[in-house]
Protein backbone atom coordinates (compact mmCIF):
# COMPACT_ATOMS: atom_id res chain seq x y z
CA UNK A 1 0.27 -16.20 98.48
CA UNK A 2 3.70 -14.49 98.77
CA UNK A 3 4.65 -12.92 102.04
CA UNK A 4 5.37 -9.24 102.51
CA UNK A 5 9.17 -9.24 101.93
CA UNK A 6 8.76 -11.17 98.67
CA UNK A 7 6.22 -8.65 97.44
CA UNK A 8 8.61 -5.85 98.27
CA UNK A 9 11.48 -7.57 96.43
CA UNK A 10 9.36 -8.19 93.35
CA UNK A 11 8.18 -4.58 93.38
CA UNK A 12 11.78 -3.37 93.72
CA UNK A 13 12.96 -5.50 90.79
CA UNK A 14 10.03 -4.31 88.67
CA UNK A 15 10.77 -0.66 89.42
CA UNK A 16 14.48 -1.22 88.73
CA UNK A 17 13.73 -2.79 85.33
CA UNK A 18 11.30 0.02 84.53
CA UNK A 19 14.00 2.56 85.38
CA UNK A 20 16.45 0.84 83.02
CA UNK A 21 13.84 0.86 80.26
CA UNK A 22 13.23 4.58 80.77
CA UNK A 23 16.98 5.28 80.65
CA UNK A 24 17.23 3.34 77.37
CA UNK A 25 14.30 5.27 75.95
CA UNK A 26 15.88 8.58 76.96
CA UNK A 27 19.19 7.65 75.35
CA UNK A 28 17.42 6.47 72.19
CA UNK A 29 15.39 9.68 72.07
CA UNK A 30 18.52 11.79 72.53
CA UNK A 31 20.29 10.06 69.64
CA UNK A 32 17.24 10.35 67.41
CA UNK A 33 17.17 14.11 67.96
CA UNK A 34 20.84 14.91 67.48
CA UNK A 35 21.33 18.65 67.11
CA UNK A 36 24.10 20.17 65.06
CA UNK A 37 26.99 21.96 66.73
CA UNK A 38 26.15 25.70 67.14
CA UNK A 39 29.54 26.86 65.83
CA UNK A 40 29.12 24.66 62.73
CA UNK A 41 25.63 26.06 62.18
CA UNK A 42 27.12 29.57 62.21
CA UNK A 43 29.79 28.43 59.74
CA UNK A 44 27.10 27.25 57.31
CA UNK A 45 25.23 30.55 57.59
CA UNK A 46 28.44 32.47 56.79
CA UNK A 47 29.11 30.12 53.88
CA UNK A 48 25.62 30.74 52.52
CA UNK A 49 26.03 34.50 52.91
CA UNK A 50 29.04 34.50 50.59
CA UNK A 51 27.59 32.11 48.01
CA UNK A 52 25.30 33.22 45.23
CA UNK A 53 22.19 31.08 45.08
CA UNK A 54 19.96 32.40 42.29
CA UNK A 55 17.29 29.74 42.66
CA UNK A 56 17.26 29.81 46.48
CA UNK A 57 18.21 26.17 46.85
CA UNK A 58 19.66 26.94 50.28
CA UNK A 59 16.35 28.21 51.64
CA UNK A 60 16.49 25.69 54.50
CA UNK A 61 19.77 27.27 55.68
CA UNK A 62 17.99 29.84 57.81
CA UNK A 63 18.92 31.71 61.01
CA UNK A 64 15.56 30.52 62.28
CA UNK A 65 16.43 26.87 61.70
CA UNK A 66 18.05 25.62 64.89
CA UNK A 67 19.07 22.14 63.76
CA UNK A 68 21.33 22.45 60.72
CA UNK A 69 21.52 18.65 60.53
CA UNK A 70 18.06 18.79 58.98
CA UNK A 71 19.11 21.36 56.35
CA UNK A 72 19.23 20.30 52.73
CA UNK A 73 22.63 19.20 51.31
CA UNK A 74 24.02 18.65 54.84
CA UNK A 75 24.90 15.27 56.37
CA UNK A 76 25.73 15.04 60.09
CA UNK A 77 27.02 12.28 62.31
CA UNK A 78 24.14 10.42 63.99
CA UNK A 79 26.24 10.18 67.13
CA UNK A 80 28.08 13.49 67.57
CA UNK A 81 26.06 15.91 65.45
CA UNK A 82 29.21 17.11 63.68
CA UNK A 83 28.79 17.98 60.00
CA UNK A 84 30.47 15.30 57.89
CA UNK A 85 29.34 16.02 54.34
CA UNK A 86 28.28 18.95 52.14
CA UNK A 87 26.63 18.04 48.83
CA UNK A 88 26.59 21.39 47.00
CA UNK A 89 26.71 20.00 43.48
CA UNK A 90 24.65 21.29 40.57
CA UNK A 91 24.25 18.81 37.76
CA UNK A 92 21.65 18.22 35.06
CA UNK A 93 18.81 17.40 34.70
CA UNK A 94 17.89 20.26 37.03
CA UNK A 95 15.44 22.54 35.29
CA UNK A 96 17.06 25.82 34.26
CA UNK A 97 20.45 24.31 35.06
CA UNK A 98 22.51 27.45 34.47
CA UNK A 99 20.34 29.57 36.76
CA UNK A 100 20.54 26.94 39.51
CA UNK A 101 24.33 26.93 39.86
CA UNK A 102 25.96 28.16 43.02
CA UNK A 103 28.63 30.83 42.62
CA UNK A 104 30.12 33.76 44.45
CA UNK A 105 32.82 33.12 47.04
CA UNK A 106 33.81 29.98 48.87
CA UNK A 107 34.27 31.46 52.33
CA UNK A 108 36.87 30.37 54.88
CA UNK A 109 34.11 29.66 57.40
CA UNK A 110 34.11 26.13 55.94
CA UNK A 111 37.30 25.63 57.99
CA UNK A 112 35.13 25.61 61.12
CA UNK A 113 33.68 22.29 59.95
CA UNK A 114 36.52 20.37 61.58
CA UNK A 115 35.01 16.95 60.90
CA UNK A 116 34.03 17.51 57.27
CA UNK A 117 35.22 14.60 55.15
CA UNK A 118 33.08 15.02 52.00
CA UNK A 119 32.85 18.23 49.97
CA UNK A 120 31.18 18.34 46.55
CA UNK A 121 31.07 21.70 44.73
CA UNK A 122 30.89 20.27 41.20
CA UNK A 123 28.80 21.68 38.39
CA UNK A 124 28.76 25.26 39.68
CA UNK A 125 30.17 28.55 38.42
CA UNK A 126 32.71 30.30 40.62
CA UNK A 127 33.53 32.73 37.84
CA UNK A 128 37.22 31.97 37.34
CA UNK A 129 38.27 32.41 40.96
CA UNK A 130 41.33 30.51 42.16
CA UNK A 131 41.01 27.55 44.48
CA UNK A 132 41.09 29.07 47.97
CA UNK A 133 44.42 28.19 49.55
CA UNK A 134 42.70 27.40 52.84
CA UNK A 135 41.21 24.23 51.34
CA UNK A 136 44.70 22.74 51.61
CA UNK A 137 44.40 22.79 55.40
CA UNK A 138 41.20 20.71 55.53
CA UNK A 139 43.04 17.56 56.55
CA UNK A 140 39.84 15.65 57.38
CA UNK A 141 38.71 15.56 53.73
CA UNK A 142 38.58 12.15 52.08
CA UNK A 143 36.33 13.18 49.16
CA UNK A 144 36.74 16.43 47.21
CA UNK A 145 34.95 17.14 43.94
CA UNK A 146 35.26 20.61 42.40
CA UNK A 147 34.92 19.50 38.78
CA UNK A 148 33.11 21.72 36.26
CA UNK A 149 32.99 24.52 38.82
CA UNK A 150 34.64 27.44 36.96
CA UNK A 151 37.88 27.56 38.96
CA UNK A 152 40.98 29.12 37.37
CA UNK A 153 44.68 29.67 38.01
CA UNK A 154 47.19 27.21 39.36
CA UNK A 155 46.48 24.51 41.89
CA UNK A 156 47.94 25.62 45.25
CA UNK A 157 51.11 23.71 46.05
CA UNK A 158 49.99 22.83 49.57
CA UNK A 159 46.85 21.34 48.09
CA UNK A 160 48.78 18.15 47.57
CA UNK A 161 49.21 17.80 51.35
CA UNK A 162 45.65 16.51 51.75
CA UNK A 163 47.00 13.05 52.44
CA UNK A 164 43.67 11.56 53.58
CA UNK A 165 42.01 12.09 50.20
CA UNK A 166 40.57 8.99 48.58
CA UNK A 167 38.64 10.76 45.80
CA UNK A 168 39.85 13.93 44.02
CA UNK A 169 38.18 15.37 40.93
CA UNK A 170 39.45 18.71 39.57
CA UNK A 171 38.33 18.10 35.98
CA UNK A 172 36.64 20.57 33.65
CA UNK A 173 38.06 23.78 35.07
CA UNK A 174 40.69 26.26 33.83
CA UNK A 175 43.69 25.18 35.85
CA UNK A 176 47.13 26.02 34.47
CA UNK A 177 50.70 25.07 35.24
CA UNK A 178 52.28 21.70 35.82
CA UNK A 179 51.47 18.86 38.17
CA UNK A 180 54.00 19.15 41.03
CA UNK A 181 55.93 16.12 42.21
CA UNK A 182 54.20 16.43 45.61
CA UNK A 183 51.21 14.65 44.08
CA UNK A 184 53.03 11.45 45.00
CA UNK A 185 52.22 12.08 48.68
CA UNK A 186 48.49 11.41 48.13
CA UNK A 187 49.05 7.72 48.70
CA UNK A 188 45.44 7.00 49.75
CA UNK A 189 43.93 8.15 46.46
CA UNK A 190 41.70 5.71 44.60
CA UNK A 191 40.29 8.24 42.13
CA UNK A 192 42.19 11.12 40.49
CA UNK A 193 40.75 13.14 37.62
CA UNK A 194 42.42 16.24 36.17
CA UNK A 195 40.78 16.08 32.74
CA UNK A 196 39.95 19.06 30.53
CA UNK A 197 42.10 21.75 32.07
CA UNK A 198 45.13 23.65 30.73
CA UNK A 199 47.80 21.77 32.62
CA UNK A 200 51.16 21.46 30.90
CA UNK A 201 54.71 20.30 31.45
CA UNK A 202 55.68 16.71 32.05
CA UNK A 203 53.73 14.21 34.12
CA UNK A 204 55.80 13.68 37.28
CA UNK A 205 57.10 10.17 37.82
CA UNK A 206 55.97 10.40 41.46
CA UNK A 207 52.46 9.67 40.21
CA UNK A 208 53.64 6.07 40.29
CA UNK A 209 53.60 6.26 44.12
CA UNK A 210 49.77 6.28 44.13
CA UNK A 211 49.58 2.53 44.54
CA UNK A 212 45.88 2.49 45.51
CA UNK A 213 44.79 4.37 42.39
CA UNK A 214 41.95 2.78 40.41
CA UNK A 215 41.02 5.70 38.13
CA UNK A 216 43.47 8.15 36.50
CA UNK A 217 42.06 10.73 34.08
CA UNK A 218 44.52 13.17 32.46
CA UNK A 219 42.83 13.80 29.10
CA UNK A 220 42.31 17.28 27.68
CA UNK A 221 45.54 18.93 28.85
CA UNK A 222 48.78 19.99 27.16
CA UNK A 223 51.33 17.65 28.69
CA UNK A 224 54.69 17.12 27.03
CA UNK A 225 57.74 14.97 27.51
CA UNK A 226 57.87 11.26 28.17
CA UNK A 227 54.98 9.48 29.84
CA UNK A 228 56.56 8.11 33.03
CA UNK A 229 57.07 4.37 33.12
CA UNK A 230 56.30 4.50 36.86
CA UNK A 231 52.61 4.44 35.93
CA UNK A 232 53.27 0.72 35.58
CA UNK A 233 53.51 0.58 39.39
CA UNK A 234 49.77 1.26 39.66
CA UNK A 235 48.74 -2.37 39.82
CA UNK A 236 45.16 -1.55 40.93
CA UNK A 237 44.50 0.80 38.01
CA UNK A 238 41.53 -0.13 35.82
CA UNK A 239 40.96 3.21 34.04
CA UNK A 240 43.76 5.20 32.37
CA UNK A 241 43.25 8.18 30.10
CA UNK A 242 46.15 10.34 28.88
CA UNK A 243 46.39 13.10 26.31
CA UNK A 244 49.44 14.95 25.07
CA UNK A 245 50.00 18.30 23.41
CA UNK A 246 49.06 18.41 19.73
CA UNK A 247 48.86 20.90 16.89
CA UNK A 248 46.28 21.09 14.15
CA UNK A 249 47.45 20.70 10.55
CA UNK A 250 45.92 19.79 7.19
CA UNK A 251 46.24 16.17 8.26
CA UNK A 252 44.38 16.78 11.51
CA UNK A 253 45.79 16.95 15.00
CA UNK A 254 49.43 15.90 15.12
CA UNK A 255 51.15 14.83 18.38
CA UNK A 256 53.94 17.30 19.10
CA UNK A 257 55.99 16.53 22.19
CA UNK A 258 54.34 13.82 24.24
CA UNK A 259 55.77 10.38 23.69
CA UNK A 260 56.47 7.02 25.26
CA UNK A 261 59.88 5.44 25.22
CA UNK A 262 58.28 2.01 25.46
CA UNK A 263 55.00 0.46 26.50
CA UNK A 264 56.35 -2.37 28.60
CA UNK A 265 54.93 -0.71 31.72
CA UNK A 266 51.46 -1.40 30.35
CA UNK A 267 52.06 -5.11 30.84
CA UNK A 268 52.24 -4.55 34.59
CA UNK A 269 48.75 -3.03 34.73
CA UNK A 270 46.99 -6.33 35.29
CA UNK A 271 43.73 -4.72 36.45
CA UNK A 272 43.44 -2.30 33.50
CA UNK A 273 40.07 -2.38 31.73
CA UNK A 274 40.03 0.96 29.92
CA UNK A 275 42.98 2.61 28.15
CA UNK A 276 42.99 5.80 26.11
CA UNK A 277 46.17 7.44 24.77
CA UNK A 278 45.40 10.55 22.73
CA UNK A 279 47.92 12.65 20.77
CA UNK A 280 50.79 10.56 22.07
CA UNK A 281 53.71 9.79 19.78
CA UNK A 282 54.05 6.00 19.58
CA UNK A 283 56.54 5.91 16.71
CA UNK A 284 59.31 4.43 18.83
CA UNK A 285 57.41 1.43 20.15
CA UNK A 286 56.29 -0.42 17.02
CA UNK A 287 58.38 -3.43 18.05
CA UNK A 288 56.32 -3.77 21.25
CA UNK A 289 53.09 -3.93 19.26
């Protein structure tokens, strides 16, 4: 039988271990019940107030809901509680698709989501409004999808300063004007899609600076001039889709002013799996074929 001091030591060690276990349980419980940041919750409520939501898909975004991390379409950090992602897309096969689309105004309260890195507004109808210029200051974004969302006008120049972007999809809107040379600063991009807009002018040669690019979609625009040979620098590219300006005649659509001086740059695209050149004048490169 152990003497008194031994019993006391054993009891002390037992209580110490039990205390450690309780601390671990408290920490685990705290992390499992992460609450969203109050200021970010208010930002979401303001954002909802300015959006139109005809089918009430944002019903969980309520002033009575304390933890916005549990709200639909919202993803928070499991550690900090900061909002990281907003999935506000509307895509088929939702029933009554057109009456489910978000619209209205994209409010500047989204700027209060300082840690937001993923924003998807695709498949909605913002009624021809311009891209809000304040989006260009959301430096934390790595994923931005506003395709098929009813945006109009020109793409804000400072928009191309979002240097952390990995994924950018602006396709299927009504954007006009040319692609500025500043696009070459988005060196982290893996995916760039500008299809089915009304962009014109020449494709800037700085697009060849996007060395990480895997997908480049430029179909459905009115580009003119020479396709830049610098596209050949995109050694990781596996999807390339280009379309030039054309005019309809009795013989069908005829390429007007988009051409290639040669196709030798294609030989450098060793990862390319899909190539589509539409309404591009190839008359000067028969010897390459």
